[in-house]
PDB file of N, CA and C in Angstrom:
ATOM      1  N   MET A   1       0.610  26.297  -2.962  1.00  0.00           N
ATOM      2  CA  MET A   1      -0.299  25.054  -1.453  1.00  0.00           C
ATOM      3  C   MET A   1      -0.269  24.035  -2.641  1.00  0.00           C
ATOM      4  N   ALA A   2      -0.608  24.075  -4.037  1.00  0.00           N
ATOM      5  CA  ALA A   2       0.045  22.483  -4.857  1.00  0.00           C
ATOM      6  C   ALA A   2       1.062  21.857  -4.460  1.00  0.00           C
ATOM      7  N   LYS A   3       2.136  22.686  -4.545  1.00  0.00           N
ATOM      8  CA  LYS A   3       3.134  21.912  -4.419  1.00  0.00           C
ATOM      9  C   LYS A   3       3.464  21.338  -2.690  1.00  0.00           C
ATOM     10  N   ASN A   4       3.070  21.904  -1.814  1.00  0.00           N
ATOM     11  CA  ASN A   4       2.232  21.247  -0.236  1.00  0.00           C
ATOM     12  C   ASN A   4       2.123  20.403  -0.465  1.00  0.00           C
ATOM     13  N   LYS A   5       1.210  20.266  -1.537  1.00  0.00           N
ATOM     14  CA  LYS A   5       0.108  18.725  -1.533  1.00  0.00           C
ATOM     15  C   LYS A   5       0.723  17.678  -2.149  1.00  0.00           C
ATOM     16  N   LEU A   6       1.805  18.093  -3.123  1.00  0.00           N
ATOM     17  CA  LEU A   6       2.379  17.253  -3.930  1.00  0.00           C
ATOM     18  C   LEU A   6       3.557  17.374  -3.291  1.00  0.00           C
ATOM     19  N   SER A   7       4.335  17.629  -1.801  1.00  0.00           N
ATOM     20  CA  SER A   7       5.357  16.779  -1.237  1.00  0.00           C
ATOM     21  C   SER A   7       4.751  15.813  -0.212  1.00  0.00           C
ATOM     22  N   ILE A   8       3.690  16.422   0.200  1.00  0.00           N
ATOM     23  CA  ILE A   8       2.978  15.154   1.045  1.00  0.00           C
ATOM     24  C   ILE A   8       2.695  13.789   0.563  1.00  0.00           C
ATOM     25  N   LEU A   9       2.322  14.304  -0.770  1.00  0.00           N
ATOM     26  CA  LEU A   9       2.385  12.774  -1.537  1.00  0.00           C
ATOM     27  C   LEU A   9       3.315  11.664  -1.784  1.00  0.00           C
ATOM     28  N   GLN A  10       4.183  13.142  -2.389  1.00  0.00           N
ATOM     29  CA  GLN A  10       5.854  12.441  -2.531  1.00  0.00           C
ATOM     30  C   GLN A  10       6.582  11.579  -1.081  1.00  0.00           C
ATOM     31  N   GLU A  11       6.373  12.333   0.126  1.00  0.00           N
ATOM     32  CA  GLU A  11       6.494  11.216   1.166  1.00  0.00           C
ATOM     33  C   GLU A  11       5.930  10.379   1.561  1.00  0.00           C
ATOM     34  N   GLU A  12       4.803   9.764   1.799  1.00  0.00           N
ATOM     35  CA  GLU A  12       3.806   8.613   1.145  1.00  0.00           C
ATOM     36  C   GLU A  12       4.097   7.964   0.309  1.00  0.00           C
ATOM     37  N   LEU A  13       4.357   8.365  -1.134  1.00  0.00           N
ATOM     38  CA  LEU A  13       4.651   7.208  -1.712  1.00  0.00           C
ATOM     39  C   LEU A  13       6.458   6.790  -1.462  1.00  0.00           C
ATOM     40  N   ARG A  14       7.162   7.599  -1.539  1.00  0.00           N
ATOM     41  CA  ARG A  14       8.351   7.079  -0.361  1.00  0.00           C
ATOM     42  C   ARG A  14       8.297   6.415   0.046  1.00  0.00           C
ATOM     43  N   ASP A  15       7.459   6.111   1.553  1.00  0.00           N
ATOM     44  CA  ASP A  15       7.173   5.249   2.551  1.00  0.00           C
ATOM     45  C   ASP A  15       6.979   3.958   2.216  1.00  0.00           C
ATOM     46  N   ARG A  16       5.609   3.692   0.905  1.00  0.00           N
ATOM     47  CA  ARG A  16       5.574   3.219   0.838  1.00  0.00           C
ATOM     48  C   ARG A  16       6.427   2.419   0.077  1.00  0.00           C
ATOM     49  N   LEU A  17       7.419   2.861  -1.590  1.00  0.00           N
ATOM     50  CA  LEU A  17       8.493   2.353  -2.107  1.00  0.00           C
ATOM     51  C   LEU A  17       9.268   1.921  -1.014  1.00  0.00           C
ATOM     52  N   ASN A  18       9.928   2.352  -0.046  1.00  0.00           N
ATOM     53  CA  ASN A  18      10.550   2.085   1.049  1.00  0.00           C
ATOM     54  C   ASN A  18      10.213   0.392   1.952  1.00  0.00           C
ATOM     55  N   LEU A  19       9.027   0.050   1.714  1.00  0.00           N
ATOM     56  CA  LEU A  19       8.283  -0.578   2.319  1.00  0.00           C
ATOM     57  C   LEU A  19       8.569  -2.141   1.598  1.00  0.00           C
ATOM     58  N   LEU A  20       7.881  -1.610   0.257  1.00  0.00           N
ATOM     59  CA  LEU A  20       8.190  -2.820  -0.892  1.00  0.00           C
ATOM     60  C   LEU A  20       9.972  -2.998  -0.712  1.00  0.00           C
ATOM     61  N   LYS A  21      10.923  -2.029  -0.918  1.00  0.00           N
ATOM     62  CA  LYS A  21      12.196  -2.444  -1.213  1.00  0.00           C
ATOM     63  C   LYS A  21      12.301  -3.618  -0.053  1.00  0.00           C
ATOM     64  N   GLU A  22      12.330  -3.198   1.327  1.00  0.00           N
ATOM     65  CA  GLU A  22      12.756  -4.078   2.509  1.00  0.00           C
ATOM     66  C   GLU A  22      12.298  -5.589   2.258  1.00  0.00           C
ATOM     67  N   ASP A  23      10.857  -5.413   2.001  1.00  0.00           N
ATOM     68  CA  ASP A  23       9.752  -6.699   1.390  1.00  0.00           C
ATOM     69  C   ASP A  23      10.511  -7.345   0.404  1.00  0.00           C
ATOM     70  N   ILE A  24      11.401  -6.859  -0.698  1.00  0.00           N
ATOM     71  CA  ILE A  24      12.006  -7.773  -1.318  1.00  0.00           C
ATOM     72  C   ILE A  24      13.320  -7.674  -0.995  1.00  0.00           C
ATOM     73  N   ASP A  25      14.045  -7.021   0.094  1.00  0.00           N
ATOM     74  CA  ASP A  25      15.205  -7.161   0.760  1.00  0.00           C
ATOM     75  C   ASP A  25      15.880  -8.484   1.687  1.00  0.00           C
ATOM     76  N   ASP A  26      14.314  -8.344   1.994  1.00  0.00           N
ATOM     77  CA  ASP A  26      14.435  -9.411   3.228  1.00  0.00           C
ATOM     78  C   ASP A  26      13.993 -10.637   2.102  1.00  0.00           C
ATOM     79  N   ILE A  27      13.681 -10.959   1.305  1.00  0.00           N
ATOM     80  CA  ILE A  27      13.925 -12.119   0.526  1.00  0.00           C
ATOM     81  C   ILE A  27      15.729 -13.440   1.318  1.00  0.00           C
ATOM     82  N   GLN A  28      15.364 -14.004   1.651  1.00  0.00           N
ATOM     83  CA  GLN A  28      16.548 -15.018   1.456  1.00  0.00           C
ATOM     84  C   GLN A  28      16.456 -16.190   0.674  1.00  0.00           C
ATOM     85  N   SER A  29      18.342 -16.330   0.129  1.00  0.00           N
ATOM     86  CA  SER A  29      17.963 -17.311  -0.991  1.00  0.00           C
ATOM     87  C   SER A  29      17.113 -18.810  -0.312  1.00  0.00           C
ATOM     88  N   GLY A  30      16.870 -19.321  -0.678  1.00  0.00           N
ATOM     89  CA  GLY A  30      16.114 -21.020  -0.063  1.00  0.00           C
ATOM     90  C   GLY A  30      14.262 -20.533   0.366  1.00  0.00           C
ATOM     91  N   ASP A  31      14.099 -19.182   0.684  1.00  0.00           N
ATOM     92  CA  ASP A  31      12.468 -19.039   1.106  1.00  0.00           C
ATOM     93  C   ASP A  31      11.725 -19.125   0.174  1.00  0.00           C
ATOM     94  N   GLU A  32      10.625 -19.447   0.597  1.00  0.00           N
ATOM     95  CA  GLU A  32       9.243 -19.608  -0.349  1.00  0.00           C
ATOM     96  C   GLU A  32       8.763 -18.572  -0.041  1.00  0.00           C
ATOM     97  N   TYR A  33       8.561 -18.266  -1.977  1.00  0.00           N
ATOM     98  CA  TYR A  33       8.159 -16.772  -1.825  1.00  0.00           C
ATOM     99  C   TYR A  33       6.968 -16.866  -3.290  1.00  0.00           C
ATOM    100  N   ASP A  34       5.720 -16.424  -3.437  1.00  0.00           N
ATOM    101  CA  ASP A  34       5.498 -16.319  -4.592  1.00  0.00           C
ATOM    102  C   ASP A  34       5.452 -15.821  -5.685  1.00  0.00           C
ATOM    103  N   PRO A  35       6.155 -16.147  -6.782  1.00  0.00           N
ATOM    104  CA  PRO A  35       6.533 -15.472  -8.205  1.00  0.00           C
ATOM    105  C   PRO A  35       5.830 -14.507  -8.374  1.00  0.00           C
ATOM    106  N   THR A  36       4.653 -14.696  -8.325  1.00  0.00           N
ATOM    107  CA  THR A  36       3.700 -13.715  -9.093  1.00  0.00           C
ATOM    108  C   THR A  36       3.556 -12.264  -8.154  1.00  0.00           C
ATOM    109  N   ILE A  37       3.615 -12.424  -6.411  1.00  0.00           N
ATOM    110  CA  ILE A  37       3.662 -11.385  -5.497  1.00  0.00           C
ATOM    111  C   ILE A  37       4.509 -10.997  -5.763  1.00  0.00           C
ATOM    112  N   TYR A  38       6.000 -11.756  -6.138  1.00  0.00           N
ATOM    113  CA  TYR A  38       7.289 -10.882  -6.267  1.00  0.00           C
ATOM    114  C   TYR A  38       7.363 -10.144  -7.588  1.00  0.00           C
ATOM    115  N   ASN A  39       7.047 -10.449  -8.413  1.00  0.00           N
ATOM    116  CA  ASN A  39       7.134  -9.451 -10.151  1.00  0.00           C
ATOM    117  C   ASN A  39       5.793  -8.603  -9.804  1.00  0.00           C
ATOM    118  N   GLU A  40       4.622  -8.487  -9.081  1.00  0.00           N
ATOM    119  CA  GLU A  40       3.594  -7.467  -8.575  1.00  0.00           C
ATOM    120  C   GLU A  40       4.539  -6.287  -7.991  1.00  0.00           C
ATOM    121  N   THR A  41       5.112  -6.583  -7.140  1.00  0.00           N
ATOM    122  CA  THR A  41       5.901  -5.936  -6.230  1.00  0.00           C
ATOM    123  C   THR A  41       6.797  -5.206  -6.987  1.00  0.00           C
ATOM    124  N   GLN A  42       7.794  -5.566  -8.062  1.00  0.00           N
ATOM    125  CA  GLN A  42       8.795  -4.855  -8.227  1.00  0.00           C
ATOM    126  C   GLN A  42       8.295  -4.226  -9.520  1.00  0.00           C
ATOM    127  N   LEU A  43       6.941  -4.244 -10.016  1.00  0.00           N
ATOM    128  CA  LEU A  43       6.047  -3.513 -11.077  1.00  0.00           C
ATOM    129  C   LEU A  43       5.910  -2.069 -10.165  1.00  0.00           C
ATOM    130  N   GLU A  44       5.388  -2.459  -9.093  1.00  0.00           N
ATOM    131  CA  GLU A  44       4.922  -1.416  -8.158  1.00  0.00           C
ATOM    132  C   GLU A  44       6.126  -0.358  -8.112  1.00  0.00           C
ATOM    133  N   ILE A  45       7.506  -1.028  -7.606  1.00  0.00           N
ATOM    134  CA  ILE A  45       8.619  -0.264  -7.480  1.00  0.00           C
ATOM    135  C   ILE A  45       9.025   0.927  -8.449  1.00  0.00           C
ATOM    136  N   LYS A  46       8.669   0.206  -9.761  1.00  0.00           N
ATOM    137  CA  LYS A  46       8.752   0.923 -11.164  1.00  0.00           C
ATOM    138  C   LYS A  46       8.112   1.848 -11.291  1.00  0.00           C
ATOM    139  N   PHE A  47       6.355   1.741 -10.680  1.00  0.00           N
ATOM    140  CA  PHE A  47       5.700   2.895 -10.881  1.00  0.00           C
ATOM    141  C   PHE A  47       6.069   3.606 -10.290  1.00  0.00           C
ATOM    142  N   LEU A  48       6.366   3.378  -8.822  1.00  0.00           N
ATOM    143  CA  LEU A  48       6.440   4.932  -7.480  1.00  0.00           C
ATOM    144  C   LEU A  48       7.783   4.849  -8.097  1.00  0.00           C
ATOM    145  N   ASN A  49       9.053   4.598  -8.648  1.00  0.00           N
ATOM    146  CA  ASN A  49       9.741   5.296  -8.776  1.00  0.00           C
ATOM    147  C   ASN A  49       9.638   6.457  -9.954  1.00  0.00           C
ATOM    148  N   LYS A  50       8.596   5.809 -11.004  1.00  0.00           N
ATOM    149  CA  LYS A  50       8.663   6.637 -12.465  1.00  0.00           C
ATOM    150  C   LYS A  50       7.706   8.220 -11.898  1.00  0.00           C
ATOM    151  N   THR A  51       6.857   7.402 -10.783  1.00  0.00           N
ATOM    152  CA  THR A  51       5.321   8.466 -10.401  1.00  0.00           C
ATOM    153  C   THR A  51       6.093   9.752  -9.060  1.00  0.00           C
ATOM    154  N   LEU A  52       7.097   9.665  -8.096  1.00  0.00           N
ATOM    155  CA  LEU A  52       8.117  10.032  -7.662  1.00  0.00           C
ATOM    156  C   LEU A  52       9.066  10.742  -9.376  1.00  0.00           C
ATOM    157  N   ASN A  53       9.389  10.701  -9.634  1.00  0.00           N
ATOM    158  CA  ASN A  53      10.433  11.280 -10.904  1.00  0.00           C
ATOM    159  C   ASN A  53       9.363  12.205 -11.642  1.00  0.00           C
ATOM    160  N   ARG A  54       8.359  12.010 -11.356  1.00  0.00           N
ATOM    161  CA  ARG A  54       7.159  13.180 -12.662  1.00  0.00           C
ATOM    162  C   ARG A  54       7.058  13.713 -11.386  1.00  0.00           C
ATOM    163  N   ILE A  55       6.957  13.915  -9.738  1.00  0.00           N
ATOM    164  CA  ILE A  55       6.191  14.736  -9.197  1.00  0.00           C
ATOM    165  C   ILE A  55       7.883  16.043  -8.759  1.00  0.00           C
ATOM    166  N   TRP A  56       8.759  15.315  -9.230  1.00  0.00           N
ATOM    167  CA  TRP A  56       9.897  15.635  -8.671  1.00  0.00           C
ATOM    168  C   TRP A  56       9.871  17.034  -9.753  1.00  0.00           C
ATOM    169  N   GLU A  57       9.362  16.573 -11.025  1.00  0.00           N
ATOM    170  CA  GLU A  57       9.416  17.425 -12.668  1.00  0.00           C
ATOM    171  C   GLU A  57       8.577  17.906 -12.436  1.00  0.00           C
ATOM    172  N   LEU A  58       7.383  17.963 -11.760  1.00  0.00           N
ATOM    173  CA  LEU A  58       6.438  18.912 -11.676  1.00  0.00           C
ATOM    174  C   LEU A  58       6.945  20.035 -10.558  1.00  0.00           C
ATOM    175  N   LYS A  59       7.379  19.634  -9.300  1.00  0.00           N
ATOM    176  CA  LYS A  59       7.995  20.777  -8.284  1.00  0.00           C
ATOM    177  C   LYS A  59       8.728  21.669  -8.613  1.00  0.00           C
ATOM    178  N   HIS A  60       9.480  21.037  -9.442  1.00  0.00           N
ATOM    179  CA  HIS A  60      10.663  22.018  -9.887  1.00  0.00           C
ATOM    180  C   HIS A  60      11.056  22.147 -11.184  1.00  0.00           C
ATOM    181  N   ASP A  61       9.550  22.579 -11.947  1.00  0.00           N
ATOM    182  CA  ASP A  61       9.229  23.124 -13.177  1.00  0.00           C
ATOM    183  C   ASP A  61       8.703  24.980 -13.148  1.00  0.00           C
TER     184      ASP A  61
END
């Protein structure tokens, strides 16, 4: 049951990660964007990657 819940969490986090990556990828040169929001998005992407890696480790131990 715990692995099932981890899988659900993993899927939701991957969805969020993909949305954030799309937001970053959609920035075109010359676009105006808030550097603070950009930096926060990059930090969230790093956090999600670390969290997803940890979930993978837990599921495969």
